[in-house]
């Protein structure tokens, strides 16, 4: 996510970079945002400093603590490293005014329908 945004900023004319930065949000999950040994906020700060812009980071509030699905609960234990857009979907869900717990329930319901 950060690398793609850095590339986009590098390819954008300097006078247009603030506009690009104002329309871009790096959306991730709480699992990635809180991961030990990783500092996405600092990385984005350094990229922003390099290109003279302020970058936005949003971690979705989506959590799977109360899900029936062991696979989803494994996110909470740090066993799953996603990269499939869960943060983006979660942030869009919240920006639409929806409760993250509803999204977790929908994910849990869909997991129950998957063949084992």
Protein backbone atom coordinates (compact mmCIF):
# COMPACT_ATOMS: atom_id res chain seq x y z
CA UNK A 1 0.00 0.00 0.00
CA UNK A 2 2.68 2.44 1.05
CA UNK A 3 4.93 1.47 -1.85
CA UNK A 4 2.17 2.01 -4.40
CA UNK A 5 1.39 5.42 -2.93
CA UNK A 6 5.09 6.35 -2.94
CA UNK A 7 5.32 5.32 -6.60
CA UNK A 8 2.22 7.33 -7.46
CA UNK A 9 3.70 10.37 -5.73
CA UNK A 10 7.02 9.92 -7.53
CA UNK A 11 5.25 9.80 -10.89
CA UNK A 12 3.02 12.80 -10.13
CA UNK A 13 4.28 16.29 -10.97
CA UNK A 14 5.33 18.04 -7.74
CA UNK A 15 2.63 20.71 -7.96
CA UNK A 16 -0.08 18.00 -8.12
CA UNK A 17 1.19 15.86 -5.23
CA UNK A 18 -0.83 17.68 -2.52
CA UNK A 19 -4.02 17.00 -4.47
CA UNK A 20 -3.16 13.32 -4.85
CA UNK A 21 -2.32 13.04 -1.15
CA UNK A 22 -5.57 14.74 -0.15
CA UNK A 23 -7.57 12.15 -2.11
CA UNK A 24 -5.64 9.07 -0.97
CA UNK A 25 -6.12 7.09 2.22
CA UNK A 26 -4.00 4.09 3.08
CA UNK A 27 -6.61 1.79 4.57
CA UNK A 28 -5.55 -1.23 6.55
CA UNK A 29 -6.77 -3.52 9.26
CA UNK A 30 -6.16 -3.07 12.96
CA UNK A 31 -4.16 -6.30 12.83
CA UNK A 32 -1.59 -4.74 10.51
CA UNK A 33 -1.70 -1.33 12.17
CA UNK A 34 -0.99 -2.89 15.58
CA UNK A 35 1.54 -5.48 14.44
CA UNK A 36 4.65 -5.54 16.60
CA UNK A 37 7.78 -4.61 14.72
CA UNK A 38 5.87 -2.73 12.06
CA UNK A 39 5.25 1.00 11.99
CA UNK A 40 3.12 1.85 9.00
CA UNK A 41 2.35 5.33 10.35
CA UNK A 42 6.06 6.13 10.54
CA UNK A 43 6.66 4.77 7.06
CA UNK A 44 3.88 6.96 5.66
CA UNK A 45 5.29 9.95 7.54
CA UNK A 46 8.68 9.38 5.92
CA UNK A 47 7.13 9.02 2.46
CA UNK A 48 5.09 12.17 3.05
CA UNK A 49 8.19 14.05 4.17
CA UNK A 50 10.06 12.91 1.06
CA UNK A 51 7.35 14.27 -1.23
CA UNK A 52 6.28 17.25 0.86
CA UNK A 53 2.75 16.04 1.57
CA UNK A 54 0.73 14.74 4.50
CA UNK A 55 -0.52 11.20 4.01
CA UNK A 56 -3.60 9.69 5.59
CA UNK A 57 -3.75 6.32 7.35
CA UNK A 58 -6.95 4.70 8.55
CA UNK A 59 -7.18 1.37 10.34
CA UNK A 60 -10.55 -0.34 10.12
CA UNK A 61 -12.26 -1.17 13.40
CA UNK A 62 -13.22 -4.61 12.07
CA UNK A 63 -12.44 -7.31 14.64
CA UNK A 64 -13.22 -11.02 14.79
CA UNK A 65 -12.99 -11.71 18.56
CA UNK A 66 -16.57 -12.97 18.81
CA UNK A 67 -16.80 -14.91 15.55
CA UNK A 68 -17.65 -18.61 15.51
CA UNK A 69 -15.19 -19.27 12.69
CA UNK A 70 -11.78 -20.34 13.94
CA UNK A 71 -10.27 -19.04 10.71
CA UNK A 72 -11.53 -15.54 11.48
CA UNK A 73 -10.51 -15.73 15.14
CA UNK A 74 -7.01 -16.60 13.89
CA UNK A 75 -6.75 -13.00 12.65
CA UNK A 76 -6.92 -11.91 16.28
CA UNK A 77 -4.11 -14.30 17.19
CA UNK A 78 -1.85 -12.92 14.47
CA UNK A 79 -1.85 -16.10 12.39
CA UNK A 80 -3.36 -14.51 9.30
CA UNK A 81 -1.55 -11.91 7.25
CA UNK A 82 -4.01 -10.62 4.76
CA UNK A 83 -3.44 -8.52 1.72
CA UNK A 84 -6.74 -8.98 0.04
CA UNK A 85 -8.40 -5.66 0.74
CA UNK A 86 -9.91 -6.33 4.18
CA UNK A 87 -8.74 -2.96 5.45
CA UNK A 88 -10.15 -1.11 2.47
CA UNK A 89 -13.48 -2.88 2.72
CA UNK A 90 -13.60 -2.26 6.46
CA UNK A 91 -12.83 1.44 6.12
CA UNK A 92 -15.39 1.89 3.32
CA UNK A 93 -17.95 0.06 5.46
CA UNK A 94 -17.32 2.49 8.32
CA UNK A 95 -17.32 5.55 6.06
CA UNK A 96 -20.77 4.44 4.90
CA UNK A 97 -21.89 4.67 8.53
CA UNK A 98 -22.14 0.93 9.10
CA UNK A 99 -21.19 -0.91 12.28
CA UNK A 100 -17.96 -2.96 11.98
CA UNK A 101 -19.59 -5.68 14.13
CA UNK A 102 -22.17 -6.17 11.34
CA UNK A 103 -19.38 -6.77 8.83
CA UNK A 104 -17.71 -9.26 11.17
CA UNK A 105 -21.02 -11.10 11.54
CA UNK A 106 -21.48 -11.19 7.75
CA UNK A 107 -17.97 -12.60 7.33
CA UNK A 108 -18.64 -15.17 10.02
CA UNK A 109 -21.94 -16.20 8.39
CA UNK A 110 -20.21 -16.59 5.02
CA UNK A 111 -17.42 -18.68 6.55
CA UNK A 112 -20.05 -21.02 7.94
CA UNK A 113 -21.30 -21.62 4.38
CA UNK A 114 -17.90 -22.60 3.00
CA UNK A 115 -17.25 -26.28 2.41
CA UNK A 116 -14.86 -27.84 4.88
